[in-house]
Amino acid sequence: MKRVTRDDVTKAVSGADDVTIAQIIGTGATVDELAEAQAWLANDEPMLNAGRPLATGRVRELVDILSELDPSEDDDESGGIPAAEQT
């Protein structure tokens, strides 16, 4: 199986910085594993309902790395107006 390259990561993961790209490549993951991790992030409930086991191994590592790029509303600690909107 083909391991992900920098080009694969930049095409698949918008907003990934050099450190994140290096972390993803460093997992030794394949393109398919990266796609599976992205699917888990996008739709974990349907995948569980389809009987898919929870992500493990490299896919789990990728989910953890990618989840840092996609802050959810739960992670919003400021609770205020974004700096760009302040006057």
PDB file of N, CA and C in Angstrom:
ATOM      1  N   MET A   1       0.836  -1.187   0.000  1.00  0.00           N
ATOM      2  CA  MET A   1       0.000   0.000   0.000  1.00  0.00           C
ATOM      3  C   MET A   1       0.880   1.250   0.000  1.00  0.00           C
ATOM      4  N   LYS A   2       0.424   2.249  -0.667  1.00  0.00           N
ATOM      5  CA  LYS A   2       1.158   3.509  -0.798  1.00  0.00           C
ATOM      6  C   LYS A   2       0.995   4.366   0.459  1.00  0.00           C
ATOM      7  N   ARG A   3       2.110   4.790   1.003  1.00  0.00           N
ATOM      8  CA  ARG A   3       2.100   5.695   2.162  1.00  0.00           C
ATOM      9  C   ARG A   3       1.760   7.105   1.685  1.00  0.00           C
ATOM     10  N   VAL A   4       1.142   7.886   2.567  1.00  0.00           N
ATOM     11  CA  VAL A   4       0.799   9.256   2.182  1.00  0.00           C
ATOM     12  C   VAL A   4       2.068  10.079   1.979  1.00  0.00           C
ATOM     13  N   THR A   5       1.973  10.987   1.032  1.00  0.00           N
ATOM     14  CA  THR A   5       3.054  11.928   0.754  1.00  0.00           C
ATOM     15  C   THR A   5       2.570  13.325   1.139  1.00  0.00           C
ATOM     16  N   ARG A   6       3.489  14.270   1.125  1.00  0.00           N
ATOM     17  CA  ARG A   6       3.122  15.657   1.414  1.00  0.00           C
ATOM     18  C   ARG A   6       2.031  16.123   0.455  1.00  0.00           C
ATOM     19  N   ASP A   7       2.164  15.756  -0.811  1.00  0.00           N
ATOM     20  CA  ASP A   7       1.179  16.146  -1.816  1.00  0.00           C
ATOM     21  C   ASP A   7      -0.198  15.561  -1.490  1.00  0.00           C
ATOM     22  N   ASP A   8      -0.223  14.289  -1.079  1.00  0.00           N
ATOM     23  CA  ASP A   8      -1.493  13.644  -0.700  1.00  0.00           C
ATOM     24  C   ASP A   8      -2.154  14.404   0.449  1.00  0.00           C
ATOM     25  N   VAL A   9      -1.355  14.753   1.451  1.00  0.00           N
ATOM     26  CA  VAL A   9      -1.893  15.417   2.639  1.00  0.00           C
ATOM     27  C   VAL A   9      -2.411  16.805   2.296  1.00  0.00           C
ATOM     28  N   THR A  10      -1.645  17.576   1.522  1.00  0.00           N
ATOM     29  CA  THR A  10      -2.091  18.939   1.201  1.00  0.00           C
ATOM     30  C   THR A  10      -3.360  18.924   0.353  1.00  0.00           C
ATOM     31  N   LYS A  11      -3.522  17.906  -0.490  1.00  0.00           N
ATOM     32  CA  LYS A  11      -4.750  17.797  -1.288  1.00  0.00           C
ATOM     33  C   LYS A  11      -5.936  17.384  -0.427  1.00  0.00           C
ATOM     34  N   ALA A  12      -5.701  16.516   0.544  1.00  0.00           N
ATOM     35  CA  ALA A  12      -6.799  15.951   1.333  1.00  0.00           C
ATOM     36  C   ALA A  12      -7.176  16.792   2.551  1.00  0.00           C
ATOM     37  N   VAL A  13      -6.221  17.535   3.101  1.00  0.00           N
ATOM     38  CA  VAL A  13      -6.453  18.235   4.367  1.00  0.00           C
ATOM     39  C   VAL A  13      -6.245  19.729   4.171  1.00  0.00           C
ATOM     40  N   SER A  14      -7.339  20.454   4.062  1.00  0.00           N
ATOM     41  CA  SER A  14      -7.207  21.895   3.889  1.00  0.00           C
ATOM     42  C   SER A  14      -6.779  22.521   5.206  1.00  0.00           C
ATOM     43  N   GLY A  15      -5.914  23.504   5.126  1.00  0.00           N
ATOM     44  CA  GLY A  15      -5.487  24.219   6.310  1.00  0.00           C
ATOM     45  C   GLY A  15      -4.406  23.531   7.125  1.00  0.00           C
ATOM     46  N   ALA A  16      -3.833  22.450   6.598  1.00  0.00           N
ATOM     47  CA  ALA A  16      -2.784  21.741   7.344  1.00  0.00           C
ATOM     48  C   ALA A  16      -1.476  22.525   7.243  1.00  0.00           C
ATOM     49  N   ASP A  17      -0.849  22.782   8.398  1.00  0.00           N
ATOM     50  CA  ASP A  17       0.444  23.456   8.400  1.00  0.00           C
ATOM     51  C   ASP A  17       1.560  22.411   8.290  1.00  0.00           C
ATOM     52  N   ASP A  18       2.801  22.886   8.192  1.00  0.00           N
ATOM     53  CA  ASP A  18       3.931  21.968   7.999  1.00  0.00           C
ATOM     54  C   ASP A  18       4.064  20.955   9.131  1.00  0.00           C
ATOM     55  N   VAL A  19       3.806  21.378  10.350  1.00  0.00           N
ATOM     56  CA  VAL A  19       3.926  20.462  11.490  1.00  0.00           C
ATOM     57  C   VAL A  19       2.869  19.363  11.396  1.00  0.00           C
ATOM     58  N   THR A  20       1.646  19.755  11.087  1.00  0.00           N
ATOM     59  CA  THR A  20       0.565  18.776  10.973  1.00  0.00           C
ATOM     60  C   THR A  20       0.831  17.807   9.823  1.00  0.00           C
ATOM     61  N   ILE A  21       1.288  18.341   8.701  1.00  0.00           N
ATOM     62  CA  ILE A  21       1.618  17.486   7.558  1.00  0.00           C
ATOM     63  C   ILE A  21       2.686  16.474   7.961  1.00  0.00           C
ATOM     64  N   ALA A  22       3.713  16.938   8.666  1.00  0.00           N
ATOM     65  CA  ALA A  22       4.785  16.038   9.116  1.00  0.00           C
ATOM     66  C   ALA A  22       4.246  14.993  10.084  1.00  0.00           C
ATOM     67  N   GLN A  23       3.336  15.387  10.976  1.00  0.00           N
ATOM     68  CA  GLN A  23       2.747  14.426  11.916  1.00  0.00           C
ATOM     69  C   GLN A  23       1.975  13.344  11.170  1.00  0.00           C
ATOM     70  N   ILE A  24       1.202  13.752  10.170  1.00  0.00           N
ATOM     71  CA  ILE A  24       0.403  12.795   9.402  1.00  0.00           C
ATOM     72  C   ILE A  24       1.315  11.834   8.646  1.00  0.00           C
ATOM     73  N   ILE A  25       2.321  12.368   7.968  1.00  0.00           N
ATOM     74  CA  ILE A  25       3.262  11.518   7.242  1.00  0.00           C
ATOM     75  C   ILE A  25       3.995  10.593   8.210  1.00  0.00           C
ATOM     76  N   GLY A  26       4.333  11.119   9.383  1.00  0.00           N
ATOM     77  CA  GLY A  26       5.062  10.357  10.383  1.00  0.00           C
ATOM     78  C   GLY A  26       4.313   9.158  10.933  1.00  0.00           C
ATOM     79  N   THR A  27       2.991   9.119  10.768  1.00  0.00           N
ATOM     80  CA  THR A  27       2.233   7.962  11.243  1.00  0.00           C
ATOM     81  C   THR A  27       2.488   6.737  10.370  1.00  0.00           C
ATOM     82  N   GLY A  28       2.986   6.974   9.148  1.00  0.00           N
ATOM     83  CA  GLY A  28       3.171   5.862   8.224  1.00  0.00           C
ATOM     84  C   GLY A  28       1.877   5.416   7.580  1.00  0.00           C
ATOM     85  N   ALA A  29       0.857   6.243   7.668  1.00  0.00           N
ATOM     86  CA  ALA A  29      -0.464   5.887   7.168  1.00  0.00           C
ATOM     87  C   ALA A  29      -0.502   5.841   5.644  1.00  0.00           C
ATOM     88  N   THR A  30      -1.489   5.111   5.151  1.00  0.00           N
ATOM     89  CA  THR A  30      -1.731   5.049   3.712  1.00  0.00           C
ATOM     90  C   THR A  30      -2.797   6.085   3.343  1.00  0.00           C
ATOM     91  N   VAL A  31      -2.959   6.302   2.048  1.00  0.00           N
ATOM     92  CA  VAL A  31      -3.987   7.222   1.562  1.00  0.00           C
ATOM     93  C   VAL A  31      -5.366   6.736   2.025  1.00  0.00           C
ATOM     94  N   ASP A  32      -5.595   5.424   1.982  1.00  0.00           N
ATOM     95  CA  ASP A  32      -6.877   4.867   2.411  1.00  0.00           C
ATOM     96  C   ASP A  32      -7.131   5.116   3.895  1.00  0.00           C
ATOM     97  N   GLU A  33      -6.083   4.993   4.709  1.00  0.00           N
ATOM     98  CA  GLU A  33      -6.234   5.241   6.143  1.00  0.00           C
ATOM     99  C   GLU A  33      -6.542   6.708   6.418  1.00  0.00           C
ATOM    100  N   LEU A  34      -5.922   7.603   5.656  1.00  0.00           N
ATOM    101  CA  LEU A  34      -6.217   9.034   5.800  1.00  0.00           C
ATOM    102  C   LEU A  34      -7.674   9.305   5.438  1.00  0.00           C
ATOM    103  N   ALA A  35      -8.142   8.692   4.363  1.00  0.00           N
ATOM    104  CA  ALA A  35      -9.537   8.866   3.948  1.00  0.00           C
ATOM    105  C   ALA A  35     -10.493   8.317   5.002  1.00  0.00           C
ATOM    106  N   GLU A  36     -10.140   7.175   5.598  1.00  0.00           N
ATOM    107  CA  GLU A  36     -10.989   6.593   6.637  1.00  0.00           C
ATOM    108  C   GLU A  36     -11.047   7.502   7.863  1.00  0.00           C
ATOM    109  N   ALA A  37      -9.914   8.077   8.239  1.00  0.00           N
ATOM    110  CA  ALA A  37      -9.887   8.984   9.381  1.00  0.00           C
ATOM    111  C   ALA A  37     -10.762  10.207   9.121  1.00  0.00           C
ATOM    112  N   GLN A  38     -10.699  10.722   7.900  1.00  0.00           N
ATOM    113  CA  GLN A  38     -11.529  11.880   7.566  1.00  0.00           C
ATOM    114  C   GLN A  38     -13.008  11.506   7.595  1.00  0.00           C
ATOM    115  N   ALA A  39     -13.327  10.292   7.163  1.00  0.00           N
ATOM    116  CA  ALA A  39     -14.718   9.838   7.204  1.00  0.00           C
ATOM    117  C   ALA A  39     -15.207   9.735   8.652  1.00  0.00           C
ATOM    118  N   TRP A  40     -14.349   9.242   9.553  1.00  0.00           N
ATOM    119  CA  TRP A  40     -14.721   9.169  10.966  1.00  0.00           C
ATOM    120  C   TRP A  40     -15.004  10.563  11.524  1.00  0.00           C
ATOM    121  N   LEU A  41     -14.167  11.526  11.176  1.00  0.00           N
ATOM    122  CA  LEU A  41     -14.372  12.879  11.690  1.00  0.00           C
ATOM    123  C   LEU A  41     -15.656  13.493  11.168  1.00  0.00           C
ATOM    124  N   ALA A  42     -15.964  13.207   9.917  1.00  0.00           N
ATOM    125  CA  ALA A  42     -17.143  13.809   9.295  1.00  0.00           C
ATOM    126  C   ALA A  42     -18.440  13.145   9.761  1.00  0.00           C
ATOM    127  N   ASN A  43     -18.400  11.835   9.967  1.00  0.00           N
ATOM    128  CA  ASN A  43     -19.636  11.087  10.213  1.00  0.00           C
ATOM    129  C   ASN A  43     -19.429   9.913  11.144  1.00  0.00           C
ATOM    130  N   ASP A  44     -19.044  10.157  12.379  1.00  0.00           N
ATOM    131  CA  ASP A  44     -18.783   9.021  13.253  1.00  0.00           C
ATOM    132  C   ASP A  44     -20.047   8.232  13.591  1.00  0.00           C
ATOM    133  N   GLU A  45     -21.170   8.899  13.757  1.00  0.00           N
ATOM    134  CA  GLU A  45     -22.387   8.181  14.132  1.00  0.00           C
ATOM    135  C   GLU A  45     -22.868   7.228  13.034  1.00  0.00           C
ATOM    136  N   PRO A  46     -22.953   7.668  11.759  1.00  0.00           N
ATOM    137  CA  PRO A  46     -23.361   6.713  10.722  1.00  0.00           C
ATOM    138  C   PRO A  46     -22.401   5.530  10.602  1.00  0.00           C
ATOM    139  N   MET A  47     -21.108   5.756  10.799  1.00  0.00           N
ATOM    140  CA  MET A  47     -20.161   4.651  10.696  1.00  0.00           C
ATOM    141  C   MET A  47     -20.378   3.658  11.831  1.00  0.00           C
ATOM    142  N   LEU A  48     -20.666   4.157  13.029  1.00  0.00           N
ATOM    143  CA  LEU A  48     -20.967   3.261  14.148  1.00  0.00           C
ATOM    144  C   LEU A  48     -22.259   2.501  13.888  1.00  0.00           C
ATOM    145  N   ASN A  49     -23.252   3.206  13.354  1.00  0.00           N
ATOM    146  CA  ASN A  49     -24.527   2.557  13.059  1.00  0.00           C
ATOM    147  C   ASN A  49     -24.390   1.490  11.986  1.00  0.00           C
ATOM    148  N   ALA A  50     -23.395   1.642  11.118  1.00  0.00           N
ATOM    149  CA  ALA A  50     -23.153   0.657  10.066  1.00  0.00           C
ATOM    150  C   ALA A  50     -22.359  -0.539  10.593  1.00  0.00           C
ATOM    151  N   GLY A  51     -22.072  -0.513  11.892  1.00  0.00           N
ATOM    152  CA  GLY A  51     -21.369  -1.633  12.496  1.00  0.00           C
ATOM    153  C   GLY A  51     -19.862  -1.573  12.377  1.00  0.00           C
ATOM    154  N   ARG A  52     -19.337  -0.420  11.982  1.00  0.00           N
ATOM    155  CA  ARG A  52     -17.875  -0.274  11.878  1.00  0.00           C
ATOM    156  C   ARG A  52     -17.283  -0.191  13.268  1.00  0.00           C
ATOM    157  N   PRO A  53     -16.187  -0.896  13.523  1.00  0.00           N
ATOM    158  CA  PRO A  53     -15.536  -0.763  14.830  1.00  0.00           C
ATOM    159  C   PRO A  53     -14.909   0.629  14.956  1.00  0.00           C
ATOM    160  N   LEU A  54     -14.718   1.064  16.185  1.00  0.00           N
ATOM    161  CA  LEU A  54     -14.072   2.358  16.398  1.00  0.00           C
ATOM    162  C   LEU A  54     -12.690   2.369  15.763  1.00  0.00           C
ATOM    163  N   ALA A  55     -12.275   3.539  15.336  1.00  0.00           N
ATOM    164  CA  ALA A  55     -10.965   3.680  14.701  1.00  0.00           C
ATOM    165  C   ALA A  55      -9.865   3.261  15.673  1.00  0.00           C
ATOM    166  N   THR A  56      -8.885   2.530  15.158  1.00  0.00           N
ATOM    167  CA  THR A  56      -7.753   2.097  15.973  1.00  0.00           C
ATOM    168  C   THR A  56      -6.471   2.285  15.172  1.00  0.00           C
ATOM    169  N   GLY A  57      -5.345   2.104  15.820  1.00  0.00           N
ATOM    170  CA  GLY A  57      -4.054   2.143  15.146  1.00  0.00           C
ATOM    171  C   GLY A  57      -3.770   3.463  14.476  1.00  0.00           C
ATOM    172  N   ARG A  58      -3.251   3.385  13.246  1.00  0.00           N
ATOM    173  CA  ARG A  58      -2.887   4.605  12.519  1.00  0.00           C
ATOM    174  C   ARG A  58      -4.087   5.478  12.228  1.00  0.00           C
ATOM    175  N   VAL A  59      -5.237   4.861  11.959  1.00  0.00           N
ATOM    176  CA  VAL A  59      -6.439   5.655  11.685  1.00  0.00           C
ATOM    177  C   VAL A  59      -6.798   6.479  12.924  1.00  0.00           C
ATOM    178  N   ARG A  60      -6.683   5.875  14.098  1.00  0.00           N
ATOM    179  CA  ARG A  60      -6.962   6.602  15.347  1.00  0.00           C
ATOM    180  C   ARG A  60      -5.987   7.761  15.521  1.00  0.00           C
ATOM    181  N   GLU A  61      -4.696   7.515  15.228  1.00  0.00           N
ATOM    182  CA  GLU A  61      -3.701   8.596  15.308  1.00  0.00           C
ATOM    183  C   GLU A  61      -4.087   9.739  14.383  1.00  0.00           C
ATOM    184  N   LEU A  62      -4.504   9.396  13.170  1.00  0.00           N
ATOM    185  CA  LEU A  62      -4.893  10.415  12.200  1.00  0.00           C
ATOM    186  C   LEU A  62      -6.126  11.186  12.667  1.00  0.00           C
ATOM    187  N   VAL A  63      -7.093  10.471  13.234  1.00  0.00           N
ATOM    188  CA  VAL A  63      -8.292  11.144  13.754  1.00  0.00           C
ATOM    189  C   VAL A  63      -7.883  12.162  14.809  1.00  0.00           C
ATOM    190  N   ASP A  64      -6.972  11.757  15.701  1.00  0.00           N
ATOM    191  CA  ASP A  64      -6.519  12.682  16.749  1.00  0.00           C
ATOM    192  C   ASP A  64      -5.829  13.906  16.156  1.00  0.00           C
ATOM    193  N   ILE A  65      -4.955  13.697  15.171  1.00  0.00           N
ATOM    194  CA  ILE A  65      -4.238  14.807  14.542  1.00  0.00           C
ATOM    195  C   ILE A  65      -5.212  15.725  13.810  1.00  0.00           C
ATOM    196  N   LEU A  66      -6.100  15.130  13.014  1.00  0.00           N
ATOM    197  CA  LEU A  66      -7.033  15.927  12.220  1.00  0.00           C
ATOM    198  C   LEU A  66      -8.046  16.655  13.090  1.00  0.00           C
ATOM    199  N   SER A  67      -8.416  16.073  14.218  1.00  0.00           N
ATOM    200  CA  SER A  67      -9.395  16.736  15.083  1.00  0.00           C
ATOM    201  C   SER A  67      -8.836  18.028  15.676  1.00  0.00           C
ATOM    202  N   GLU A  68      -7.516  18.115  15.794  1.00  0.00           N
ATOM    203  CA  GLU A  68      -6.890  19.347  16.270  1.00  0.00           C
ATOM    204  C   GLU A  68      -7.041  20.473  15.244  1.00  0.00           C
ATOM    205  N   LEU A  69      -7.186  20.126  13.972  1.00  0.00           N
ATOM    206  CA  LEU A  69      -7.348  21.126  12.916  1.00  0.00           C
ATOM    207  C   LEU A  69      -8.773  21.635  12.813  1.00  0.00           C
ATOM    208  N   ASP A  70      -9.712  20.876  13.339  1.00  0.00           N
ATOM    209  CA  ASP A  70     -11.123  21.179  13.165  1.00  0.00           C
ATOM    210  C   ASP A  70     -11.766  21.435  14.522  1.00  0.00           C
ATOM    211  N   PRO A  71     -11.496  22.613  15.110  1.00  0.00           N
ATOM    212  CA  PRO A  71     -12.058  22.870  16.433  1.00  0.00           C
ATOM    213  C   PRO A  71     -13.580  22.914  16.383  1.00  0.00           C
ATOM    214  N   SER A  72     -14.190  22.191  17.275  1.00  0.00           N
ATOM    215  CA  SER A  72     -15.654  22.196  17.326  1.00  0.00           C
ATOM    216  C   SER A  72     -16.113  23.283  18.287  1.00  0.00           C
ATOM    217  N   GLU A  73     -17.418  23.450  18.340  1.00  0.00           N
ATOM    218  CA  GLU A  73     -17.948  24.464  19.251  1.00  0.00           C
ATOM    219  C   GLU A  73     -17.644  24.115  20.704  1.00  0.00           C
ATOM    220  N   ASP A  74     -17.410  22.849  21.003  1.00  0.00           N
ATOM    221  CA  ASP A  74     -17.064  22.442  22.359  1.00  0.00           C
ATOM    222  C   ASP A  74     -15.708  22.989  22.788  1.00  0.00           C
ATOM    223  N   ASP A  75     -14.824  23.202  21.826  1.00  0.00           N
ATOM    224  CA  ASP A  75     -13.474  23.649  22.125  1.00  0.00           C
ATOM    225  C   ASP A  75     -13.347  25.168  22.197  1.00  0.00           C
ATOM    226  N   ASP A  76     -14.432  25.883  21.954  1.00  0.00           N
ATOM    227  CA  ASP A  76     -14.396  27.347  21.954  1.00  0.00           C
ATOM    228  C   ASP A  76     -14.321  27.844  23.387  1.00  0.00           C
ATOM    229  N   GLU A  77     -13.117  28.207  23.808  1.00  0.00           N
ATOM    230  CA  GLU A  77     -12.907  28.614  25.189  1.00  0.00           C
ATOM    231  C   GLU A  77     -13.087  30.112  25.400  1.00  0.00           C
ATOM    232  N   SER A  78     -13.026  30.896  24.315  1.00  0.00           N
ATOM    233  CA  SER A  78     -13.070  32.338  24.489  1.00  0.00           C
ATOM    234  C   SER A  78     -14.452  32.794  24.967  1.00  0.00           C
ATOM    235  N   GLY A  79     -15.484  32.216  24.394  1.00  0.00           N
ATOM    236  CA  GLY A  79     -16.832  32.565  24.801  1.00  0.00           C
ATOM    237  C   GLY A  79     -17.215  33.984  24.457  1.00  0.00           C
ATOM    238  N   GLY A  80     -16.376  34.679  23.751  1.00  0.00           N
ATOM    239  CA  GLY A  80     -16.644  36.076  23.418  1.00  0.00           C
ATOM    240  C   GLY A  80     -16.699  36.297  21.931  1.00  0.00           C
ATOM    241  N   ILE A  81     -16.568  37.536  21.568  1.00  0.00           N
ATOM    242  CA  ILE A  81     -16.577  37.921  20.167  1.00  0.00           C
ATOM    243  C   ILE A  81     -15.204  37.633  19.577  1.00  0.00           C
ATOM    244  N   PRO A  82     -15.159  36.994  18.404  1.00  0.00           N
ATOM    245  CA  PRO A  82     -13.849  36.763  17.775  1.00  0.00           C
ATOM    246  C   PRO A  82     -13.087  38.070  17.587  1.00  0.00           C
ATOM    247  N   ALA A  83     -11.795  38.017  17.741  1.00  0.00           N
ATOM    248  CA  ALA A  83     -10.952  39.226  17.670  1.00  0.00           C
ATOM    249  C   ALA A  83     -11.178  40.001  16.380  1.00  0.00           C
ATOM    250  N   ALA A  84     -11.408  39.324  15.280  1.00  0.00           N
ATOM    251  CA  ALA A  84     -11.582  39.996  13.996  1.00  0.00           C
ATOM    252  C   ALA A  84     -12.835  40.847  13.970  1.00  0.00           C
ATOM    253  N   GLU A  85     -13.808  40.528  14.845  1.00  0.00           N
ATOM    254  CA  GLU A  85     -15.071  41.258  14.848  1.00  0.00           C
ATOM    255  C   GLU A  85     -15.106  42.350  15.908  1.00  0.00           C
ATOM    256  N   GLN A  86     -14.098  42.417  16.769  1.00  0.00           N
ATOM    257  CA  GLN A  86     -14.085  43.435  17.817  1.00  0.00           C
ATOM    258  C   GLN A  86     -13.715  44.786  17.226  1.00  0.00           C
ATOM    259  N   THR A  87     -14.253  45.854  17.813  1.00  0.00           N
ATOM    260  CA  THR A  87     -13.930  47.194  17.306  1.00  0.00           C
ATOM    261  C   THR A  87     -13.170  47.984  18.326  1.00  0.00           C
TER     262      THR A  87
END
